Amino acid sequence: MHNEVGLHARPAALLARLVAGFDARVTVNEVDAASVLALMGLGLEKGDRMEVRAGGTEAAAALEAVEQAVADGFGEQ
């Protein structure tokens, strides 16, 4: 996690919207990445590790999109 304030409401919502656009089930640290509340419940802070997994017909594309969003700091950097 690179964001200064971690995975708070805005980046969690962005991530949930992002993964909802793919025919894939995406998880972050074993919680459903399509759920803003589940993502926020992880309490991820700057420096924490995110384990992202995906399954489904668009799993590879979903993982690539999540990787890019994380690298871009969810648009906050």
PDB file of N, CA and C in Angstrom:
ATOM      1  N   MET A   1       0.857  -1.166   0.000  1.00  0.00           N
ATOM      2  CA  MET A   1       0.000   0.000   0.000  1.00  0.00           C
ATOM      3  C   MET A   1       0.900   1.225   0.000  1.00  0.00           C
ATOM      4  N   HIS A   2       0.712   2.100  -1.001  1.00  0.00           N
ATOM      5  CA  HIS A   2       1.575   3.271  -1.146  1.00  0.00           C
ATOM      6  C   HIS A   2       0.913   4.567  -0.690  1.00  0.00           C
ATOM      7  N   ASN A   3      -0.406   4.585  -0.582  1.00  0.00           N
ATOM      8  CA  ASN A   3      -1.106   5.815  -0.206  1.00  0.00           C
ATOM      9  C   ASN A   3      -0.731   6.243   1.203  1.00  0.00           C
ATOM     10  N   GLU A   4      -0.557   7.532   1.385  1.00  0.00           N
ATOM     11  CA  GLU A   4      -0.172   8.070   2.693  1.00  0.00           C
ATOM     12  C   GLU A   4      -1.173   7.706   3.788  1.00  0.00           C
ATOM     13  N   VAL A   5      -2.465   7.735   3.467  1.00  0.00           N
ATOM     14  CA  VAL A   5      -3.486   7.476   4.486  1.00  0.00           C
ATOM     15  C   VAL A   5      -4.103   6.082   4.363  1.00  0.00           C
ATOM     16  N   GLY A   6      -3.511   5.227   3.540  1.00  0.00           N
ATOM     17  CA  GLY A   6      -3.983   3.858   3.434  1.00  0.00           C
ATOM     18  C   GLY A   6      -5.210   3.691   2.557  1.00  0.00           C
ATOM     19  N   LEU A   7      -5.882   2.574   2.746  1.00  0.00           N
ATOM     20  CA  LEU A   7      -7.048   2.233   1.929  1.00  0.00           C
ATOM     21  C   LEU A   7      -8.302   2.739   2.633  1.00  0.00           C
ATOM     22  N   HIS A   8      -8.530   4.048   2.551  1.00  0.00           N
ATOM     23  CA  HIS A   8      -9.706   4.658   3.171  1.00  0.00           C
ATOM     24  C   HIS A   8     -10.870   4.633   2.182  1.00  0.00           C
ATOM     25  N   ALA A   9     -11.930   5.359   2.457  1.00  0.00           N
ATOM     26  CA  ALA A   9     -13.178   5.263   1.692  1.00  0.00           C
ATOM     27  C   ALA A   9     -13.010   5.522   0.198  1.00  0.00           C
ATOM     28  N   ARG A  10     -12.313   6.587  -0.168  1.00  0.00           N
ATOM     29  CA  ARG A  10     -12.214   6.931  -1.583  1.00  0.00           C
ATOM     30  C   ARG A  10     -11.495   5.855  -2.398  1.00  0.00           C
ATOM     31  N   PRO A  11     -10.274   5.443  -2.029  1.00  0.00           N
ATOM     32  CA  PRO A  11      -9.635   4.398  -2.826  1.00  0.00           C
ATOM     33  C   PRO A  11     -10.351   3.047  -2.734  1.00  0.00           C
ATOM     34  N   ALA A  12     -10.988   2.763  -1.617  1.00  0.00           N
ATOM     35  CA  ALA A  12     -11.745   1.510  -1.507  1.00  0.00           C
ATOM     36  C   ALA A  12     -12.920   1.518  -2.479  1.00  0.00           C
ATOM     37  N   ALA A  13     -13.606   2.653  -2.587  1.00  0.00           N
ATOM     38  CA  ALA A  13     -14.724   2.773  -3.525  1.00  0.00           C
ATOM     39  C   ALA A  13     -14.233   2.683  -4.962  1.00  0.00           C
ATOM     40  N   LEU A  14     -13.111   3.312  -5.247  1.00  0.00           N
ATOM     41  CA  LEU A  14     -12.548   3.250  -6.590  1.00  0.00           C
ATOM     42  C   LEU A  14     -12.195   1.810  -6.948  1.00  0.00           C
ATOM     43  N   LEU A  15     -11.573   1.102  -6.027  1.00  0.00           N
ATOM     44  CA  LEU A  15     -11.191  -0.285  -6.266  1.00  0.00           C
ATOM     45  C   LEU A  15     -12.419  -1.169  -6.466  1.00  0.00           C
ATOM     46  N   ALA A  16     -13.438  -0.981  -5.648  1.00  0.00           N
ATOM     47  CA  ALA A  16     -14.667  -1.774  -5.777  1.00  0.00           C
ATOM     48  C   ALA A  16     -15.342  -1.532  -7.125  1.00  0.00           C
ATOM     49  N   ARG A  17     -15.407  -0.267  -7.555  1.00  0.00           N
ATOM     50  CA  ARG A  17     -15.989   0.049  -8.869  1.00  0.00           C
ATOM     51  C   ARG A  17     -15.156  -0.554  -9.989  1.00  0.00           C
ATOM     52  N   LEU A  18     -13.854  -0.484  -9.846  1.00  0.00           N
ATOM     53  CA  LEU A  18     -12.948  -1.008 -10.863  1.00  0.00           C
ATOM     54  C   LEU A  18     -13.166  -2.500 -11.074  1.00  0.00           C
ATOM     55  N   VAL A  19     -13.153  -3.275 -10.007  1.00  0.00           N
ATOM     56  CA  VAL A  19     -13.267  -4.729 -10.158  1.00  0.00           C
ATOM     57  C   VAL A  19     -14.668  -5.152 -10.575  1.00  0.00           C
ATOM     58  N   ALA A  20     -15.674  -4.338 -10.277  1.00  0.00           N
ATOM     59  CA  ALA A  20     -17.047  -4.668 -10.679  1.00  0.00           C
ATOM     60  C   ALA A  20     -17.199  -4.672 -12.197  1.00  0.00           C
ATOM     61  N   GLY A  21     -16.286  -4.013 -12.896  1.00  0.00           N
ATOM     62  CA  GLY A  21     -16.356  -3.942 -14.352  1.00  0.00           C
ATOM     63  C   GLY A  21     -15.790  -5.157 -15.065  1.00  0.00           C
ATOM     64  N   PHE A  22     -15.335  -6.138 -14.335  1.00  0.00           N
ATOM     65  CA  PHE A  22     -14.734  -7.332 -14.936  1.00  0.00           C
ATOM     66  C   PHE A  22     -15.545  -8.574 -14.597  1.00  0.00           C
ATOM     67  N   ASP A  23     -15.529  -9.538 -15.524  1.00  0.00           N
ATOM     68  CA  ASP A  23     -16.139 -10.840 -15.266  1.00  0.00           C
ATOM     69  C   ASP A  23     -15.106 -11.671 -14.505  1.00  0.00           C
ATOM     70  N   ALA A  24     -14.938 -11.305 -13.234  1.00  0.00           N
ATOM     71  CA  ALA A  24     -13.944 -11.962 -12.389  1.00  0.00           C
ATOM     72  C   ALA A  24     -14.317 -11.738 -10.934  1.00  0.00           C
ATOM     73  N   ARG A  25     -13.925 -12.675 -10.096  1.00  0.00           N
ATOM     74  CA  ARG A  25     -14.068 -12.498  -8.647  1.00  0.00           C
ATOM     75  C   ARG A  25     -12.696 -12.127  -8.129  1.00  0.00           C
ATOM     76  N   VAL A  26     -12.591 -10.925  -7.591  1.00  0.00           N
ATOM     77  CA  VAL A  26     -11.306 -10.411  -7.126  1.00  0.00           C
ATOM     78  C   VAL A  26     -11.342 -10.304  -5.607  1.00  0.00           C
ATOM     79  N   THR A  27     -10.264 -10.746  -4.971  1.00  0.00           N
ATOM     80  CA  THR A  27     -10.144 -10.605  -3.520  1.00  0.00           C
ATOM     81  C   THR A  27      -8.859  -9.853  -3.182  1.00  0.00           C
ATOM     82  N   VAL A  28      -8.923  -9.130  -2.088  1.00  0.00           N
ATOM     83  CA  VAL A  28      -7.748  -8.466  -1.518  1.00  0.00           C
ATOM     84  C   VAL A  28      -7.619  -9.000  -0.098  1.00  0.00           C
ATOM     85  N   ASN A  29      -6.494  -9.604   0.179  1.00  0.00           N
ATOM     86  CA  ASN A  29      -6.276 -10.212   1.501  1.00  0.00           C
ATOM     87  C   ASN A  29      -7.479 -11.058   1.931  1.00  0.00           C
ATOM     88  N   GLU A  30      -8.003 -11.803   0.964  1.00  0.00           N
ATOM     89  CA  GLU A  30      -9.085 -12.775   1.154  1.00  0.00           C
ATOM     90  C   GLU A  30     -10.472 -12.184   1.371  1.00  0.00           C
ATOM     91  N   VAL A  31     -10.652 -10.862   1.166  1.00  0.00           N
ATOM     92  CA  VAL A  31     -12.002 -10.291   1.227  1.00  0.00           C
ATOM     93  C   VAL A  31     -12.423  -9.864  -0.174  1.00  0.00           C
ATOM     94  N   ASP A  32     -13.720  -9.814  -0.402  1.00  0.00           N
ATOM     95  CA  ASP A  32     -14.290  -9.454  -1.694  1.00  0.00           C
ATOM     96  C   ASP A  32     -13.932  -8.014  -2.047  1.00  0.00           C
ATOM     97  N   ALA A  33     -13.185  -7.837  -3.134  1.00  0.00           N
ATOM     98  CA  ALA A  33     -12.747  -6.500  -3.540  1.00  0.00           C
ATOM     99  C   ALA A  33     -13.886  -5.662  -4.106  1.00  0.00           C
ATOM    100  N   ALA A  34     -15.045  -6.251  -4.348  1.00  0.00           N
ATOM    101  CA  ALA A  34     -16.194  -5.487  -4.823  1.00  0.00           C
ATOM    102  C   ALA A  34     -16.965  -4.859  -3.664  1.00  0.00           C
ATOM    103  N   SER A  35     -16.548  -5.131  -2.437  1.00  0.00           N
ATOM    104  CA  SER A  35     -17.223  -4.602  -1.246  1.00  0.00           C
ATOM    105  C   SER A  35     -16.384  -3.504  -0.598  1.00  0.00           C
ATOM    106  N   VAL A  36     -16.880  -2.277  -0.672  1.00  0.00           N
ATOM    107  CA  VAL A  36     -16.178  -1.142  -0.070  1.00  0.00           C
ATOM    108  C   VAL A  36     -15.988  -1.377   1.425  1.00  0.00           C
ATOM    109  N   LEU A  37     -17.030  -1.822   2.099  1.00  0.00           N
ATOM    110  CA  LEU A  37     -16.932  -2.036   3.548  1.00  0.00           C
ATOM    111  C   LEU A  37     -15.917  -3.116   3.903  1.00  0.00           C
ATOM    112  N   ALA A  38     -15.885  -4.187   3.117  1.00  0.00           N
ATOM    113  CA  ALA A  38     -14.911  -5.250   3.375  1.00  0.00           C
ATOM    114  C   ALA A  38     -13.489  -4.736   3.179  1.00  0.00           C
ATOM    115  N   LEU A  39     -13.284  -3.952   2.129  1.00  0.00           N
ATOM    116  CA  LEU A  39     -11.953  -3.393   1.880  1.00  0.00           C
ATOM    117  C   LEU A  39     -11.529  -2.452   3.000  1.00  0.00           C
ATOM    118  N   MET A  40     -12.433  -1.579   3.422  1.00  0.00           N
ATOM    119  CA  MET A  40     -12.108  -0.648   4.501  1.00  0.00           C
ATOM    120  C   MET A  40     -11.862  -1.394   5.807  1.00  0.00           C
ATOM    121  N   GLY A  41     -12.581  -2.494   6.000  1.00  0.00           N
ATOM    122  CA  GLY A  41     -12.430  -3.295   7.205  1.00  0.00           C
ATOM    123  C   GLY A  41     -11.049  -3.925   7.344  1.00  0.00           C
ATOM    124  N   LEU A  42     -10.311  -4.005   6.241  1.00  0.00           N
ATOM    125  CA  LEU A  42      -8.953  -4.541   6.305  1.00  0.00           C
ATOM    126  C   LEU A  42      -8.019  -3.615   7.081  1.00  0.00           C
ATOM    127  N   GLY A  43      -8.349  -2.332   7.093  1.00  0.00           N
ATOM    128  CA  GLY A  43      -7.518  -1.370   7.819  1.00  0.00           C
ATOM    129  C   GLY A  43      -6.118  -1.226   7.248  1.00  0.00           C
ATOM    130  N   LEU A  44      -5.983  -1.371   5.925  1.00  0.00           N
ATOM    131  CA  LEU A  44      -4.663  -1.284   5.308  1.00  0.00           C
ATOM    132  C   LEU A  44      -4.094   0.124   5.418  1.00  0.00           C
ATOM    133  N   GLU A  45      -2.847   0.192   5.817  1.00  0.00           N
ATOM    134  CA  GLU A  45      -2.147   1.462   5.961  1.00  0.00           C
ATOM    135  C   GLU A  45      -0.936   1.474   5.042  1.00  0.00           C
ATOM    136  N   LYS A  46      -0.342   2.645   4.879  1.00  0.00           N
ATOM    137  CA  LYS A  46       0.846   2.764   4.040  1.00  0.00           C
ATOM    138  C   LYS A  46       1.896   1.759   4.507  1.00  0.00           C
ATOM    139  N   GLY A  47       2.444   1.028   3.536  1.00  0.00           N
ATOM    140  CA  GLY A  47       3.462   0.026   3.831  1.00  0.00           C
ATOM    141  C   GLY A  47       2.918  -1.376   4.016  1.00  0.00           C
ATOM    142  N   ASP A  48       1.601  -1.504   4.218  1.00  0.00           N
ATOM    143  CA  ASP A  48       0.998  -2.831   4.360  1.00  0.00           C
ATOM    144  C   ASP A  48       0.995  -3.551   3.015  1.00  0.00           C
ATOM    145  N   ARG A  49       1.035  -4.855   3.082  1.00  0.00           N
ATOM    146  CA  ARG A  49       1.038  -5.683   1.881  1.00  0.00           C
ATOM    147  C   ARG A  49      -0.397  -6.030   1.486  1.00  0.00           C
ATOM    148  N   MET A  50      -0.667  -5.950   0.179  1.00  0.00           N
ATOM    149  CA  MET A  50      -1.958  -6.348  -0.376  1.00  0.00           C
ATOM    150  C   MET A  50      -1.748  -7.610  -1.201  1.00  0.00           C
ATOM    151  N   GLU A  51      -2.504  -8.654  -0.890  1.00  0.00           N
ATOM    152  CA  GLU A  51      -2.466  -9.860  -1.707  1.00  0.00           C
ATOM    153  C   GLU A  51      -3.743  -9.882  -2.529  1.00  0.00           C
ATOM    154  N   VAL A  52      -3.595  -9.714  -3.826  1.00  0.00           N
ATOM    155  CA  VAL A  52      -4.742  -9.637  -4.730  1.00  0.00           C
ATOM    156  C   VAL A  52      -4.800 -10.919  -5.544  1.00  0.00           C
ATOM    157  N   ARG A  53      -5.973 -11.524  -5.562  1.00  0.00           N
ATOM    158  CA  ARG A  53      -6.207 -12.739  -6.347  1.00  0.00           C
ATOM    159  C   ARG A  53      -7.465 -12.546  -7.170  1.00  0.00           C
ATOM    160  N   ALA A  54      -7.521 -13.250  -8.296  1.00  0.00           N
ATOM    161  CA  ALA A  54      -8.703 -13.161  -9.148  1.00  0.00           C
ATOM    162  C   ALA A  54      -8.937 -14.487  -9.848  1.00  0.00           C
ATOM    163  N   GLY A  55     -10.201 -14.759 -10.094  1.00  0.00           N
ATOM    164  CA  GLY A  55     -10.598 -15.928 -10.856  1.00  0.00           C
ATOM    165  C   GLY A  55     -11.741 -15.539 -11.773  1.00  0.00           C
ATOM    166  N   GLY A  56     -11.865 -16.214 -12.882  1.00  0.00           N
ATOM    167  CA  GLY A  56     -12.926 -15.903 -13.829  1.00  0.00           C
ATOM    168  C   GLY A  56     -12.351 -15.607 -15.200  1.00  0.00           C
ATOM    169  N   THR A  57     -13.235 -15.368 -16.151  1.00  0.00           N
ATOM    170  CA  THR A  57     -12.799 -15.205 -17.536  1.00  0.00           C
ATOM    171  C   THR A  57     -11.949 -13.957 -17.757  1.00  0.00           C
ATOM    172  N   GLU A  58     -12.119 -12.936 -16.954  1.00  0.00           N
ATOM    173  CA  GLU A  58     -11.331 -11.708 -17.108  1.00  0.00           C
ATOM    174  C   GLU A  58     -10.379 -11.482 -15.929  1.00  0.00           C
ATOM    175  N   ALA A  59      -9.963 -12.571 -15.307  1.00  0.00           N
ATOM    176  CA  ALA A  59      -9.106 -12.468 -14.122  1.00  0.00           C
ATOM    177  C   ALA A  59      -7.800 -11.739 -14.410  1.00  0.00           C
ATOM    178  N   ALA A  60      -7.146 -12.079 -15.508  1.00  0.00           N
ATOM    179  CA  ALA A  60      -5.853 -11.451 -15.819  1.00  0.00           C
ATOM    180  C   ALA A  60      -6.010  -9.954 -16.031  1.00  0.00           C
ATOM    181  N   ALA A  61      -7.042  -9.555 -16.754  1.00  0.00           N
ATOM    182  CA  ALA A  61      -7.281  -8.129 -16.996  1.00  0.00           C
ATOM    183  C   ALA A  61      -7.619  -7.404 -15.702  1.00  0.00           C
ATOM    184  N   ALA A  62      -8.383  -8.052 -14.842  1.00  0.00           N
ATOM    185  CA  ALA A  62      -8.741  -7.443 -13.557  1.00  0.00           C
ATOM    186  C   ALA A  62      -7.500  -7.237 -12.698  1.00  0.00           C
ATOM    187  N   LEU A  63      -6.632  -8.233 -12.647  1.00  0.00           N
ATOM    188  CA  LEU A  63      -5.401  -8.113 -11.866  1.00  0.00           C
ATOM    189  C   LEU A  63      -4.516  -6.996 -12.403  1.00  0.00           C
ATOM    190  N   GLU A  64      -4.431  -6.896 -13.714  1.00  0.00           N
ATOM    191  CA  GLU A  64      -3.628  -5.833 -14.328  1.00  0.00           C
ATOM    192  C   GLU A  64      -4.189  -4.457 -13.975  1.00  0.00           C
ATOM    193  N   ALA A  65      -5.505  -4.321 -14.014  1.00  0.00           N
ATOM    194  CA  ALA A  65      -6.142  -3.044 -13.684  1.00  0.00           C
ATOM    195  C   ALA A  65      -5.922  -2.675 -12.219  1.00  0.00           C
ATOM    196  N   VAL A  66      -6.025  -3.652 -11.333  1.00  0.00           N
ATOM    197  CA  VAL A  66      -5.792  -3.394  -9.906  1.00  0.00           C
ATOM    198  C   VAL A  66      -4.340  -2.997  -9.684  1.00  0.00           C
ATOM    199  N   GLU A  67      -3.426  -3.706 -10.330  1.00  0.00           N
ATOM    200  CA  GLU A  67      -2.000  -3.383 -10.198  1.00  0.00           C
ATOM    201  C   GLU A  67      -1.731  -1.941 -10.633  1.00  0.00           C
ATOM    202  N   GLN A  68      -2.339  -1.532 -11.741  1.00  0.00           N
ATOM    203  CA  GLN A  68      -2.142  -0.167 -12.231  1.00  0.00           C
ATOM    204  C   GLN A  68      -2.743   0.852 -11.267  1.00  0.00           C
ATOM    205  N   ALA A  69      -3.912   0.567 -10.731  1.00  0.00           N
ATOM    206  CA  ALA A  69      -4.551   1.486  -9.781  1.00  0.00           C
ATOM    207  C   ALA A  69      -3.698   1.663  -8.530  1.00  0.00           C
ATOM    208  N   VAL A  70      -3.137   0.573  -8.034  1.00  0.00           N
ATOM    209  CA  VAL A  70      -2.269   0.645  -6.855  1.00  0.00           C
ATOM    210  C   VAL A  70      -1.016   1.452  -7.186  1.00  0.00           C
ATOM    211  N   ALA A  71      -0.414   1.170  -8.345  1.00  0.00           N
ATOM    212  CA  ALA A  71       0.797   1.891  -8.754  1.00  0.00           C
ATOM    213  C   ALA A  71       0.535   3.386  -8.898  1.00  0.00           C
ATOM    214  N   ASP A  72      -0.679   3.737  -9.333  1.00  0.00           N
ATOM    215  CA  ASP A  72      -1.060   5.144  -9.506  1.00  0.00           C
ATOM    216  C   ASP A  72      -1.522   5.783  -8.202  1.00  0.00           C
ATOM    217  N   GLY A  73      -1.476   5.035  -7.112  1.00  0.00           N
ATOM    218  CA  GLY A  73      -1.906   5.579  -5.820  1.00  0.00           C
ATOM    219  C   GLY A  73      -3.391   5.875  -5.782  1.00  0.00           C
ATOM    220  N   PHE A  74      -4.167   5.140  -6.582  1.00  0.00           N
ATOM    221  CA  PHE A  74      -5.618   5.343  -6.660  1.00  0.00           C
ATOM    222  C   PHE A  74      -5.946   6.793  -7.003  1.00  0.00           C
ATOM    223  N   GLY A  75      -5.056   7.427  -7.777  1.00  0.00           N
ATOM    224  CA  GLY A  75      -5.284   8.801  -8.218  1.00  0.00           C
ATOM    225  C   GLY A  75      -5.057   9.850  -7.151  1.00  0.00           C
ATOM    226  N   GLU A  76      -4.453   9.470  -6.038  1.00  0.00           N
ATOM    227  CA  GLU A  76      -4.269  10.413  -4.931  1.00  0.00           C
ATOM    228  C   GLU A  76      -2.842  10.925  -4.808  1.00  0.00           C
ATOM    229  N   GLN A  77      -1.964  10.506  -5.686  1.00  0.00           N
ATOM    230  CA  GLN A  77      -0.569  10.943  -5.551  1.00  0.00           C
ATOM    231  C   GLN A  77      -0.187  11.883  -6.657  1.00  0.00           C
TER     232      GLN A  77
END
